[in-house]
C-alpha cells in the first residue's frame, strides 16, 4: 500500500479502496468452500480491482503450487500473466513492491509426491 493512504480511504471511512493495493499474497485455506473462494472468486475480484500482482500459495493443489498472476484485465476479470509452478521450484515476483522477491523451497517446502 502507498504510504499516503488518506486519498484511498473509502467513503464510509471504514477501509481503503482496492486502488491502493499493489500486491496480494494469498495462502489457500483448507476446505472446499474456502479453496473455491481463494482460487476463483478472489482471483476474479482482484483482477476487476486492477491489483497488479496476486500470488497464490496453495498447499491443497496437487503437490502444492505457487501461482503468480500479473497484468490484470478488469473488463474480463482475469489475468494475462499466469505463472504456476510446483512447490520446490523457485518463482520470482516480476513487478510491484515485492519485485525480485523469490518464493523458494525454503518458503513452500519441497514438492510433494502426487496423490
PDB file of N, CA and C in Angstrom:
ATOM      1  N   UNK A   1       0.838  -1.169   0.000  1.00  0.00           N
ATOM      2  CA  UNK A   1       0.000   0.000   0.000  1.00  0.00           C
ATOM      3  C   UNK A   1       0.889   1.240   0.000  1.00  0.00           C
ATOM      4  N   UNK A   2       0.399   2.305  -0.579  1.00  0.00           N
ATOM      5  CA  UNK A   2       1.167   3.547  -0.548  1.00  0.00           C
ATOM      6  C   UNK A   2       1.296   4.068   0.879  1.00  0.00           C
ATOM      7  N   UNK A   3       2.315   4.842   1.117  1.00  0.00           N
ATOM      8  CA  UNK A   3       2.496   5.426   2.454  1.00  0.00           C
ATOM      9  C   UNK A   3       1.390   6.430   2.756  1.00  0.00           C
ATOM     10  N   UNK A   4       0.989   7.193   1.740  1.00  0.00           N
ATOM     11  CA  UNK A   4      -0.072   8.184   1.903  1.00  0.00           C
ATOM     12  C   UNK A   4      -1.400   7.538   1.533  1.00  0.00           C
ATOM     13  N   UNK A   5      -2.070   6.974   2.514  1.00  0.00           N
ATOM     14  CA  UNK A   5      -3.324   6.263   2.244  1.00  0.00           C
ATOM     15  C   UNK A   5      -4.554   7.153   2.370  1.00  0.00           C
ATOM     16  N   UNK A   6      -4.375   8.367   2.824  1.00  0.00           N
ATOM     17  CA  UNK A   6      -5.517   9.243   3.070  1.00  0.00           C
ATOM     18  C   UNK A   6      -6.425   9.377   1.847  1.00  0.00           C
ATOM     19  N   UNK A   7      -5.859   9.499   0.674  1.00  0.00           N
ATOM     20  CA  UNK A   7      -6.690   9.662  -0.535  1.00  0.00           C
ATOM     21  C   UNK A   7      -7.403   8.375  -0.941  1.00  0.00           C
ATOM     22  N   UNK A   8      -7.050   7.245  -0.312  1.00  0.00           N
ATOM     23  CA  UNK A   8      -7.670   5.960  -0.644  1.00  0.00           C
ATOM     24  C   UNK A   8      -8.723   5.504   0.364  1.00  0.00           C
ATOM     25  N   UNK A   9      -8.965   6.279   1.384  1.00  0.00           N
ATOM     26  CA  UNK A   9      -9.957   5.905   2.397  1.00  0.00           C
ATOM     27  C   UNK A   9     -11.333   5.864   1.738  1.00  0.00           C
ATOM     28  N   UNK A  10     -12.087   4.805   2.025  1.00  0.00           N
ATOM     29  CA  UNK A  10     -13.421   4.644   1.438  1.00  0.00           C
ATOM     30  C   UNK A  10     -14.378   5.703   1.977  1.00  0.00           C
ATOM     31  N   UNK A  11     -15.464   5.917   1.261  1.00  0.00           N
ATOM     32  CA  UNK A  11     -16.444   6.942   1.628  1.00  0.00           C
ATOM     33  C   UNK A  11     -16.978   6.749   3.044  1.00  0.00           C
ATOM     34  N   UNK A  12     -17.141   5.501   3.458  1.00  0.00           N
ATOM     35  CA  UNK A  12     -17.650   5.249   4.808  1.00  0.00           C
ATOM     36  C   UNK A  12     -16.548   5.320   5.870  1.00  0.00           C
ATOM     37  N   UNK A  13     -15.317   5.585   5.437  1.00  0.00           N
ATOM     38  CA  UNK A  13     -14.138   5.723   6.297  1.00  0.00           C
ATOM     39  C   UNK A  13     -13.813   4.472   7.103  1.00  0.00           C
ATOM     40  N   UNK A  14     -14.248   3.312   6.585  1.00  0.00           N
ATOM     41  CA  UNK A  14     -14.007   2.051   7.271  1.00  0.00           C
ATOM     42  C   UNK A  14     -12.789   1.323   6.715  1.00  0.00           C
ATOM     43  N   UNK A  15     -12.468   1.565   5.456  1.00  0.00           N
ATOM     44  CA  UNK A  15     -11.378   0.822   4.842  1.00  0.00           C
ATOM     45  C   UNK A  15     -10.637   1.647   3.804  1.00  0.00           C
ATOM     46  N   UNK A  16      -9.840   0.946   3.033  1.00  0.00           N
ATOM     47  CA  UNK A  16      -9.035   1.534   1.974  1.00  0.00           C
ATOM     48  C   UNK A  16      -9.510   0.934   0.653  1.00  0.00           C
ATOM     49  N   UNK A  17      -9.629   1.733  -0.387  1.00  0.00           N
ATOM     50  CA  UNK A  17     -10.085   1.219  -1.681  1.00  0.00           C
ATOM     51  C   UNK A  17      -9.030   0.302  -2.300  1.00  0.00           C
ATOM     52  N   UNK A  18      -9.480  -0.591  -3.129  1.00  0.00           N
ATOM     53  CA  UNK A  18      -8.584  -1.553  -3.780  1.00  0.00           C
ATOM     54  C   UNK A  18      -7.549  -0.863  -4.654  1.00  0.00           C
ATOM     55  N   UNK A  19      -7.804   0.349  -5.093  1.00  0.00           N
ATOM     56  CA  UNK A  19      -6.853   1.079  -5.931  1.00  0.00           C
ATOM     57  C   UNK A  19      -5.513   1.301  -5.224  1.00  0.00           C
ATOM     58  N   UNK A  20      -5.502   1.237  -3.910  1.00  0.00           N
ATOM     59  CA  UNK A  20      -4.273   1.432  -3.146  1.00  0.00           C
ATOM     60  C   UNK A  20      -3.442   0.155  -3.047  1.00  0.00           C
ATOM     61  N   UNK A  21      -4.041  -0.980  -3.310  1.00  0.00           N
ATOM     62  CA  UNK A  21      -3.368  -2.266  -3.124  1.00  0.00           C
ATOM     63  C   UNK A  21      -2.513  -2.584  -4.343  1.00  0.00           C
ATOM     64  N   UNK A  22      -1.239  -2.860  -4.125  1.00  0.00           N
ATOM     65  CA  UNK A  22      -0.295  -3.133  -5.214  1.00  0.00           C
ATOM     66  C   UNK A  22       0.054  -4.617  -5.314  1.00  0.00           C
ATOM     67  N   UNK A  23      -0.216  -5.379  -4.258  1.00  0.00           N
ATOM     68  CA  UNK A  23       0.158  -6.791  -4.224  1.00  0.00           C
ATOM     69  C   UNK A  23      -0.708  -7.500  -3.192  1.00  0.00           C
ATOM     70  N   UNK A  24      -1.206  -8.687  -3.550  1.00  0.00           N
ATOM     71  CA  UNK A  24      -1.905  -9.546  -2.599  1.00  0.00           C
ATOM     72  C   UNK A  24      -1.208 -10.904  -2.632  1.00  0.00           C
ATOM     73  N   UNK A  25      -0.902 -11.435  -1.450  1.00  0.00           N
ATOM     74  CA  UNK A  25      -0.360 -12.787  -1.331  1.00  0.00           C
ATOM     75  C   UNK A  25      -1.371 -13.585  -0.523  1.00  0.00           C
ATOM     76  N   UNK A  26      -1.834 -14.667  -1.114  1.00  0.00           N
ATOM     77  CA  UNK A  26      -2.886 -15.496  -0.523  1.00  0.00           C
ATOM     78  C   UNK A  26      -2.330 -16.878  -0.209  1.00  0.00           C
ATOM     79  N   UNK A  27      -2.567 -17.350   1.010  1.00  0.00           N
ATOM     80  CA  UNK A  27      -2.289 -18.738   1.360  1.00  0.00           C
ATOM     81  C   UNK A  27      -3.653 -19.414   1.377  1.00  0.00           C
ATOM     82  N   UNK A  28      -3.845 -20.377   0.502  1.00  0.00           N
ATOM     83  CA  UNK A  28      -5.153 -21.011   0.343  1.00  0.00           C
ATOM     84  C   UNK A  28      -5.546 -21.737   1.623  1.00  0.00           C
ATOM     85  N   UNK A  29      -6.789 -21.523   2.003  1.00  0.00           N
ATOM     86  CA  UNK A  29      -7.333 -22.106   3.229  1.00  0.00           C
ATOM     87  C   UNK A  29      -7.816 -23.535   2.992  1.00  0.00           C
ATOM     88  N   UNK A  30      -7.877 -24.347   4.055  1.00  0.00           N
ATOM     89  CA  UNK A  30      -8.432 -25.690   3.891  1.00  0.00           C
ATOM     90  C   UNK A  30      -9.947 -25.619   3.705  1.00  0.00           C
ATOM     91  N   UNK A  31     -10.508 -26.656   3.170  1.00  0.00           N
ATOM     92  CA  UNK A  31     -11.961 -26.716   2.974  1.00  0.00           C
ATOM     93  C   UNK A  31     -12.351 -26.299   1.565  1.00  0.00           C
ATOM     94  N   UNK A  32     -13.213 -27.069   0.943  1.00  0.00           N
ATOM     95  CA  UNK A  32     -13.623 -26.837  -0.447  1.00  0.00           C
ATOM     96  C   UNK A  32     -14.161 -25.429  -0.673  1.00  0.00           C
ATOM     97  N   UNK A  33     -15.047 -24.983   0.179  1.00  0.00           N
ATOM     98  CA  UNK A  33     -15.653 -23.648   0.014  1.00  0.00           C
ATOM     99  C   UNK A  33     -14.590 -22.548   0.079  1.00  0.00           C
ATOM    100  N   UNK A  34     -13.684 -22.646   1.055  1.00  0.00           N
ATOM    101  CA  UNK A  34     -12.616 -21.656   1.188  1.00  0.00           C
ATOM    102  C   UNK A  34     -11.656 -21.715   0.003  1.00  0.00           C
ATOM    103  N   UNK A  35     -11.349 -22.920  -0.464  1.00  0.00           N
ATOM    104  CA  UNK A  35     -10.459 -23.058  -1.610  1.00  0.00           C
ATOM    105  C   UNK A  35     -11.072 -22.443  -2.860  1.00  0.00           C
ATOM    106  N   UNK A  36     -12.352 -22.670  -3.088  1.00  0.00           N
ATOM    107  CA  UNK A  36     -13.025 -22.056  -4.240  1.00  0.00           C
ATOM    108  C   UNK A  36     -12.967 -20.537  -4.148  1.00  0.00           C
ATOM    109  N   UNK A  37     -13.199 -20.010  -2.953  1.00  0.00           N
ATOM    110  CA  UNK A  37     -13.137 -18.559  -2.749  1.00  0.00           C
ATOM    111  C   UNK A  37     -11.737 -18.030  -3.047  1.00  0.00           C
ATOM    112  N   UNK A  38     -10.712 -18.692  -2.495  1.00  0.00           N
ATOM    113  CA  UNK A  38      -9.338 -18.214  -2.660  1.00  0.00           C
ATOM    114  C   UNK A  38      -8.842 -18.346  -4.099  1.00  0.00           C
ATOM    115  N   UNK A  39      -9.200 -19.431  -4.767  1.00  0.00           N
ATOM    116  CA  UNK A  39      -8.690 -19.699  -6.121  1.00  0.00           C
ATOM    117  C   UNK A  39      -9.514 -19.056  -7.230  1.00  0.00           C
ATOM    118  N   UNK A  40     -10.794 -18.881  -7.018  1.00  0.00           N
ATOM    119  CA  UNK A  40     -11.673 -18.422  -8.099  1.00  0.00           C
ATOM    120  C   UNK A  40     -12.259 -17.033  -7.836  1.00  0.00           C
ATOM    121  N   UNK A  41     -13.011 -16.890  -6.766  1.00  0.00           N
ATOM    122  CA  UNK A  41     -13.682 -15.621  -6.513  1.00  0.00           C
ATOM    123  C   UNK A  41     -12.676 -14.481  -6.321  1.00  0.00           C
ATOM    124  N   UNK A  42     -11.698 -14.691  -5.459  1.00  0.00           N
ATOM    125  CA  UNK A  42     -10.718 -13.635  -5.215  1.00  0.00           C
ATOM    126  C   UNK A  42      -9.899 -13.359  -6.469  1.00  0.00           C
ATOM    127  N   UNK A  43      -9.554 -14.397  -7.210  1.00  0.00           N
ATOM    128  CA  UNK A  43      -8.800 -14.225  -8.449  1.00  0.00           C
ATOM    129  C   UNK A  43      -9.546 -13.257  -9.389  1.00  0.00           C
ATOM    130  N   UNK A  44     -10.842 -13.460  -9.562  1.00  0.00           N
ATOM    131  CA  UNK A  44     -11.651 -12.581 -10.432  1.00  0.00           C
ATOM    132  C   UNK A  44     -11.775 -11.177  -9.849  1.00  0.00           C
ATOM    133  N   UNK A  45     -12.054 -11.099  -8.558  1.00  0.00           N
ATOM    134  CA  UNK A  45     -12.278  -9.788  -7.944  1.00  0.00           C
ATOM    135  C   UNK A  45     -11.003  -8.946  -7.896  1.00  0.00           C
ATOM    136  N   UNK A  46      -9.863  -9.567  -7.660  1.00  0.00           N
ATOM    137  CA  UNK A  46      -8.615  -8.809  -7.659  1.00  0.00           C
ATOM    138  C   UNK A  46      -8.276  -8.337  -9.074  1.00  0.00           C
ATOM    139  N   UNK A  47      -8.596  -9.126 -10.079  1.00  0.00           N
ATOM    140  CA  UNK A  47      -8.403  -8.673 -11.465  1.00  0.00           C
ATOM    141  C   UNK A  47      -9.328  -7.494 -11.756  1.00  0.00           C
ATOM    142  N   UNK A  48     -10.594  -7.601 -11.364  1.00  0.00           N
ATOM    143  CA  UNK A  48     -11.552  -6.492 -11.569  1.00  0.00           C
ATOM    144  C   UNK A  48     -11.089  -5.216 -10.874  1.00  0.00           C
ATOM    145  N   UNK A  49     -10.426  -5.361  -9.740  1.00  0.00           N
ATOM    146  CA  UNK A  49      -9.943  -4.209  -8.983  1.00  0.00           C
ATOM    147  C   UNK A  49      -8.610  -3.675  -9.511  1.00  0.00           C
ATOM    148  N   UNK A  50      -8.061  -4.323 -10.542  1.00  0.00           N
ATOM    149  CA  UNK A  50      -6.781  -3.923 -11.156  1.00  0.00           C
ATOM    150  C   UNK A  50      -5.602  -3.993 -10.189  1.00  0.00           C
ATOM    151  N   UNK A  51      -5.642  -4.941  -9.263  1.00  0.00           N
ATOM    152  CA  UNK A  51      -4.491  -5.142  -8.384  1.00  0.00           C
ATOM    153  C   UNK A  51      -3.401  -5.781  -9.245  1.00  0.00           C
ATOM    154  N   UNK A  52      -2.233  -5.148  -9.318  1.00  0.00           N
ATOM    155  CA  UNK A  52      -1.239  -5.573 -10.316  1.00  0.00           C
ATOM    156  C   UNK A  52      -0.640  -6.963 -10.138  1.00  0.00           C
ATOM    157  N   UNK A  53      -0.527  -7.449  -8.899  1.00  0.00           N
ATOM    158  CA  UNK A  53       0.106  -8.750  -8.666  1.00  0.00           C
ATOM    159  C   UNK A  53      -0.693  -9.516  -7.609  1.00  0.00           C
ATOM    160  N   UNK A  54      -1.014 -10.775  -7.935  1.00  0.00           N
ATOM    161  CA  UNK A  54      -1.703 -11.669  -6.999  1.00  0.00           C
ATOM    162  C   UNK A  54      -0.906 -12.963  -6.938  1.00  0.00           C
ATOM    163  N   UNK A  55      -0.455 -13.327  -5.746  1.00  0.00           N
ATOM    164  CA  UNK A  55       0.327 -14.546  -5.530  1.00  0.00           C
ATOM    165  C   UNK A  55      -0.526 -15.505  -4.712  1.00  0.00           C
ATOM    166  N   UNK A  56      -0.655 -16.745  -5.206  1.00  0.00           N
ATOM    167  CA  UNK A  56      -1.430 -17.769  -4.506  1.00  0.00           C
ATOM    168  C   UNK A  56      -0.485 -18.909  -4.114  1.00  0.00           C
ATOM    169  N   UNK A  57      -0.383 -19.150  -2.823  1.00  0.00           N
ATOM    170  CA  UNK A  57       0.411 -20.270  -2.304  1.00  0.00           C
ATOM    171  C   UNK A  57      -0.597 -21.320  -1.863  1.00  0.00           C
ATOM    172  N   UNK A  58      -0.543 -22.474  -2.524  1.00  0.00           N
ATOM    173  CA  UNK A  58      -1.644 -23.435  -2.405  1.00  0.00           C
ATOM    174  C   UNK A  58      -1.163 -24.824  -2.009  1.00  0.00           C
ATOM    175  N   UNK A  59      -1.297 -25.146  -0.723  1.00  0.00           N
ATOM    176  CA  UNK A  59      -0.950 -26.476  -0.209  1.00  0.00           C
ATOM    177  C   UNK A  59      -1.883 -27.562  -0.714  1.00  0.00           C
ATOM    178  N   UNK A  60      -3.067 -27.178  -1.163  1.00  0.00           N
ATOM    179  CA  UNK A  60      -4.118 -28.149  -1.476  1.00  0.00           C
ATOM    180  C   UNK A  60      -4.251 -28.437  -2.962  1.00  0.00           C
ATOM    181  N   UNK A  61      -3.392 -27.887  -3.779  1.00  0.00           N
ATOM    182  CA  UNK A  61      -3.433 -28.084  -5.220  1.00  0.00           C
ATOM    183  C   UNK A  61      -2.392 -29.132  -5.605  1.00  0.00           C
ATOM    184  N   UNK A  62      -2.850 -30.339  -5.834  1.00  0.00           N
ATOM    185  CA  UNK A  62      -1.990 -31.440  -6.241  1.00  0.00           C
ATOM    186  C   UNK A  62      -0.825 -31.596  -5.270  1.00  0.00           C
ATOM    187  N   UNK A  63       0.370 -31.317  -5.711  1.00  0.00           N
ATOM    188  CA  UNK A  63       1.539 -31.483  -4.847  1.00  0.00           C
ATOM    189  C   UNK A  63       2.008 -30.162  -4.235  1.00  0.00           C
ATOM    190  N   UNK A  64       1.161 -29.151  -4.288  1.00  0.00           N
ATOM    191  CA  UNK A  64       1.498 -27.824  -3.787  1.00  0.00           C
ATOM    192  C   UNK A  64       1.963 -26.960  -4.938  1.00  0.00           C
ATOM    193  N   UNK A  65       1.370 -25.769  -5.075  1.00  0.00           N
ATOM    194  CA  UNK A  65       1.758 -24.881  -6.167  1.00  0.00           C
ATOM    195  C   UNK A  65       1.833 -23.436  -5.692  1.00  0.00           C
ATOM    196  N   UNK A  66       2.614 -22.677  -6.425  1.00  0.00           N
ATOM    197  CA  UNK A  66       2.657 -21.232  -6.280  1.00  0.00           C
ATOM    198  C   UNK A  66       2.252 -20.661  -7.640  1.00  0.00           C
ATOM    199  N   UNK A  67       1.280 -19.754  -7.627  1.00  0.00           N
ATOM    200  CA  UNK A  67       0.836 -19.103  -8.855  1.00  0.00           C
ATOM    201  C   UNK A  67       1.034 -17.605  -8.692  1.00  0.00           C
ATOM    202  N   UNK A  68       1.707 -16.995  -9.673  1.00  0.00           N
ATOM    203  CA  UNK A  68       1.895 -15.551  -9.692  1.00  0.00           C
ATOM    204  C   UNK A  68       1.105 -15.018 -10.873  1.00  0.00           C
ATOM    205  N   UNK A  69       0.136 -14.161 -10.572  1.00  0.00           N
ATOM    206  CA  UNK A  69      -0.711 -13.567 -11.610  1.00  0.00           C
ATOM    207  C   UNK A  69      -0.348 -12.092 -11.748  1.00  0.00           C
ATOM    208  N   UNK A  70      -0.175 -11.649 -12.995  1.00  0.00           N
ATOM    209  CA  UNK A  70       0.145 -10.248 -13.276  1.00  0.00           C
ATOM    210  C   UNK A  70      -0.692  -9.782 -14.466  1.00  0.00           C
ATOM    211  N   UNK A  71      -0.649  -8.505 -14.726  1.00  0.00           N
ATOM    212  CA  UNK A  71      -1.371  -7.908 -15.845  1.00  0.00           C
ATOM    213  C   UNK A  71      -2.873  -8.217 -15.798  1.00  0.00           C
ATOM    214  N   UNK A  72      -3.551  -7.680 -14.791  1.00  0.00           N
ATOM    215  CA  UNK A  72      -4.988  -7.942 -14.681  1.00  0.00           C
ATOM    216  C   UNK A  72      -5.758  -7.330 -15.853  1.00  0.00           C
ATOM    217  N   UNK A  73      -6.813  -8.022 -16.260  1.00  0.00           N
ATOM    218  CA  UNK A  73      -7.746  -7.499 -17.269  1.00  0.00           C
ATOM    219  C   UNK A  73      -9.082  -7.303 -16.553  1.00  0.00           C
ATOM    220  N   UNK A  74      -9.316  -6.104 -16.009  1.00  0.00           N
ATOM    221  CA  UNK A  74     -10.514  -5.864 -15.203  1.00  0.00           C
ATOM    222  C   UNK A  74     -11.809  -6.137 -15.960  1.00  0.00           C
ATOM    223  N   UNK A  75     -11.846  -5.804 -17.231  1.00  0.00           N
ATOM    224  CA  UNK A  75     -13.074  -5.980 -18.004  1.00  0.00           C
ATOM    225  C   UNK A  75     -13.418  -7.453 -18.225  1.00  0.00           C
ATOM    226  N   UNK A  76     -12.428  -8.341 -18.117  1.00  0.00           N
ATOM    227  CA  UNK A  76     -12.660  -9.772 -18.293  1.00  0.00           C
ATOM    228  C   UNK A  76     -12.525 -10.545 -16.980  1.00  0.00           C
ATOM    229  N   UNK A  77     -12.153  -9.835 -15.924  1.00  0.00           N
ATOM    230  CA  UNK A  77     -11.955 -10.443 -14.606  1.00  0.00           C
ATOM    231  C   UNK A  77     -10.980 -11.615 -14.664  1.00  0.00           C
ATOM    232  N   UNK A  78      -9.889 -11.414 -15.423  1.00  0.00           N
ATOM    233  CA  UNK A  78      -8.846 -12.432 -15.467  1.00  0.00           C
ATOM    234  C   UNK A  78      -7.487 -11.763 -15.626  1.00  0.00           C
ATOM    235  N   UNK A  79      -6.490 -12.577 -15.890  1.00  0.00           N
ATOM    236  CA  UNK A  79      -5.096 -12.119 -15.901  1.00  0.00           C
ATOM    237  C   UNK A  79      -4.408 -12.539 -17.191  1.00  0.00           C
ATOM    238  N   UNK A  80      -3.520 -11.695 -17.694  1.00  0.00           N
ATOM    239  CA  UNK A  80      -2.718 -12.032 -18.865  1.00  0.00           C
ATOM    240  C   UNK A  80      -1.541 -12.902 -18.419  1.00  0.00           C
ATOM    241  N   UNK A  81      -0.834 -12.450 -17.406  1.00  0.00           N
ATOM    242  CA  UNK A  81       0.333 -13.175 -16.926  1.00  0.00           C
ATOM    243  C   UNK A  81      -0.045 -14.182 -15.861  1.00  0.00           C
ATOM    244  N   UNK A  82       0.124 -15.468 -16.160  1.00  0.00           N
ATOM    245  CA  UNK A  82      -0.161 -16.533 -15.198  1.00  0.00           C
ATOM    246  C   UNK A  82       1.051 -17.454 -15.178  1.00  0.00           C
ATOM    247  N   UNK A  83       1.733 -17.488 -14.053  1.00  0.00           N
ATOM    248  CA  UNK A  83       2.916 -18.341 -13.923  1.00  0.00           C
ATOM    249  C   UNK A  83       2.688 -19.252 -12.722  1.00  0.00           C
ATOM    250  N   UNK A  84       2.537 -20.551 -12.990  1.00  0.00           N
ATOM    251  CA  UNK A  84       2.218 -21.535 -11.953  1.00  0.00           C
ATOM    252  C   UNK A  84       3.322 -22.582 -11.905  1.00  0.00           C
ATOM    253  N   UNK A  85       3.857 -22.793 -10.694  1.00  0.00           N
ATOM    254  CA  UNK A  85       4.941 -23.766 -10.526  1.00  0.00           C
ATOM    255  C   UNK A  85       4.664 -24.645  -9.316  1.00  0.00           C
ATOM    256  N   UNK A  86       5.182 -25.882  -9.337  1.00  0.00           N
ATOM    257  CA  UNK A  86       5.033 -26.746  -8.165  1.00  0.00           C
ATOM    258  C   UNK A  86       5.970 -26.296  -7.046  1.00  0.00           C
ATOM    259  N   UNK A  87       5.583 -26.631  -5.815  1.00  0.00           N
ATOM    260  CA  UNK A  87       6.471 -26.387  -4.688  1.00  0.00           C
ATOM    261  C   UNK A  87       7.844 -26.952  -5.030  1.00  0.00           C
ATOM    262  N   UNK A  88       8.861 -26.270  -4.524  1.00  0.00           N
ATOM    263  CA  UNK A  88      10.229 -26.706  -4.786  1.00  0.00           C
ATOM    264  C   UNK A  88      10.837 -26.020  -5.995  1.00  0.00           C
ATOM    265  N   UNK A  89      10.018 -25.342  -6.802  1.00  0.00           N
ATOM    266  CA  UNK A  89      10.503 -24.593  -7.964  1.00  0.00           C
ATOM    267  C   UNK A  89      10.487 -23.114  -7.604  1.00  0.00           C
ATOM    268  N   UNK A  90      11.604 -22.457  -7.765  1.00  0.00           N
ATOM    269  CA  UNK A  90      11.680 -21.038  -7.429  1.00  0.00           C
ATOM    270  C   UNK A  90      10.878 -20.205  -8.421  1.00  0.00           C
ATOM    271  N   UNK A  91      10.144 -19.239  -7.899  1.00  0.00           N
ATOM    272  CA  UNK A  91       9.417 -18.282  -8.737  1.00  0.00           C
ATOM    273  C   UNK A  91       9.674 -16.895  -8.155  1.00  0.00           C
ATOM    274  N   UNK A  92       9.938 -15.935  -9.041  1.00  0.00           N
ATOM    275  CA  UNK A  92      10.263 -14.576  -8.617  1.00  0.00           C
ATOM    276  C   UNK A  92       9.126 -13.641  -8.979  1.00  0.00           C
ATOM    277  N   UNK A  93       8.761 -12.787  -8.047  1.00  0.00           N
ATOM    278  CA  UNK A  93       7.718 -11.800  -8.301  1.00  0.00           C
ATOM    279  C   UNK A  93       8.285 -10.769  -9.280  1.00  0.00           C
ATOM    280  N   UNK A  94       7.631 -10.618 -10.460  1.00  0.00           N
ATOM    281  CA  UNK A  94       8.227  -9.838 -11.544  1.00  0.00           C
ATOM    282  C   UNK A  94       8.024  -8.331 -11.467  1.00  0.00           C
ATOM    283  N   UNK A  95       7.090  -7.866 -10.622  1.00  0.00           N
ATOM    284  CA  UNK A  95       6.817  -6.428 -10.593  1.00  0.00           C
ATOM    285  C   UNK A  95       6.176  -6.053  -9.266  1.00  0.00           C
ATOM    286  N   UNK A  96       5.958  -4.763  -9.098  1.00  0.00           N
ATOM    287  CA  UNK A  96       5.294  -4.278  -7.895  1.00  0.00           C
ATOM    288  C   UNK A  96       6.245  -4.103  -6.739  1.00  0.00           C
ATOM    289  N   UNK A  97       5.700  -3.905  -5.532  1.00  0.00           N
ATOM    290  CA  UNK A  97       6.526  -3.590  -4.367  1.00  0.00           C
ATOM    291  C   UNK A  97       7.438  -4.735  -3.925  1.00  0.00           C
ATOM    292  N   UNK A  98       7.126  -5.957  -4.323  1.00  0.00           N
ATOM    293  CA  UNK A  98       7.959  -7.106  -3.955  1.00  0.00           C
ATOM    294  C   UNK A  98       8.784  -7.596  -5.150  1.00  0.00           C
ATOM    295  N   UNK A  99       8.923  -6.747  -6.168  1.00  0.00           N
ATOM    296  CA  UNK A  99       9.666  -7.138  -7.374  1.00  0.00           C
ATOM    297  C   UNK A  99      11.021  -7.722  -6.990  1.00  0.00           C
ATOM    298  N   UNK A 100      11.303  -8.890  -7.563  1.00  0.00           N
ATOM    299  CA  UNK A 100      12.578  -9.551  -7.309  1.00  0.00           C
ATOM    300  C   UNK A 100      12.557 -10.517  -6.134  1.00  0.00           C
ATOM    301  N   UNK A 101      11.503 -10.501  -5.331  1.00  0.00           N
ATOM    302  CA  UNK A 101      11.411 -11.424  -4.202  1.00  0.00           C
ATOM    303  C   UNK A 101      11.166 -12.826  -4.729  1.00  0.00           C
ATOM    304  N   UNK A 102      11.986 -13.770  -4.296  1.00  0.00           N
ATOM    305  CA  UNK A 102      11.872 -15.153  -4.764  1.00  0.00           C
ATOM    306  C   UNK A 102      11.137 -16.003  -3.740  1.00  0.00           C
ATOM    307  N   UNK A 103      10.136 -16.704  -4.221  1.00  0.00           N
ATOM    308  CA  UNK A 103       9.442 -17.691  -3.397  1.00  0.00           C
ATOM    309  C   UNK A 103      10.120 -19.015  -3.702  1.00  0.00           C
ATOM    310  N   UNK A 104      10.784 -19.555  -2.708  1.00  0.00           N
ATOM    311  CA  UNK A 104      11.629 -20.729  -2.899  1.00  0.00           C
ATOM    312  C   UNK A 104      11.144 -21.899  -2.051  1.00  0.00           C
ATOM    313  N   UNK A 105      11.841 -22.985  -2.171  1.00  0.00           N
ATOM    314  CA  UNK A 105      11.547 -24.174  -1.370  1.00  0.00           C
ATOM    315  C   UNK A 105      11.661 -23.878   0.124  1.00  0.00           C
ATOM    316  N   UNK A 106      12.476 -22.902   0.491  1.00  0.00           N
ATOM    317  CA  UNK A 106      12.600 -22.525   1.900  1.00  0.00           C
ATOM    318  C   UNK A 106      11.267 -21.991   2.439  1.00  0.00           C
ATOM    319  N   UNK A 107      10.428 -21.441   1.568  1.00  0.00           N
ATOM    320  CA  UNK A 107       9.127 -20.908   1.976  1.00  0.00           C
ATOM    321  C   UNK A 107       8.041 -21.976   1.854  1.00  0.00           C
ATOM    322  N   UNK A 108       8.020 -22.686   0.739  1.00  0.00           N
ATOM    323  CA  UNK A 108       6.926 -23.626   0.469  1.00  0.00           C
ATOM    324  C   UNK A 108       7.201 -25.039   0.950  1.00  0.00           C
ATOM    325  N   UNK A 109       8.452 -25.386   1.091  1.00  0.00           N
ATOM    326  CA  UNK A 109       8.828 -26.775   1.307  1.00  0.00           C
ATOM    327  C   UNK A 109       8.998 -27.433  -0.046  1.00  0.00           C
ATOM    328  N   UNK A 110       9.466 -28.660  -0.071  1.00  0.00           N
ATOM    329  CA  UNK A 110       9.696 -29.344  -1.348  1.00  0.00           C
ATOM    330  C   UNK A 110       8.406 -29.802  -1.987  1.00  0.00           C
ATOM    331  N   UNK A 111       8.492 -30.113  -3.268  1.00  0.00           N
ATOM    332  CA  UNK A 111       7.343 -30.713  -3.956  1.00  0.00           C
ATOM    333  C   UNK A 111       6.992 -32.001  -3.247  1.00  0.00           C
ATOM    334  N   UNK A 112       5.703 -32.259  -3.169  1.00  0.00           N
ATOM    335  CA  UNK A 112       5.248 -33.491  -2.525  1.00  0.00           C
ATOM    336  C   UNK A 112       4.904 -34.516  -3.600  1.00  0.00           C
ATOM    337  N   UNK A 113       4.966 -35.776  -3.237  1.00  0.00           N
ATOM    338  CA  UNK A 113       4.578 -36.813  -4.216  1.00  0.00           C
ATOM    339  C   UNK A 113       3.126 -36.617  -4.647  1.00  0.00           C
ATOM    340  N   UNK A 114       2.854 -36.951  -5.878  1.00  0.00           N
ATOM    341  CA  UNK A 114       1.472 -36.857  -6.387  1.00  0.00           C
ATOM    342  C   UNK A 114       0.571 -37.774  -5.581  1.00  0.00           C
ATOM    343  N   UNK A 115      -0.654 -37.300  -5.399  1.00  0.00           N
ATOM    344  CA  UNK A 115      -1.640 -38.074  -4.629  1.00  0.00           C
ATOM    345  C   UNK A 115      -2.211 -39.184  -5.469  1.00  0.00           C
TER     346      UNK A 115
END
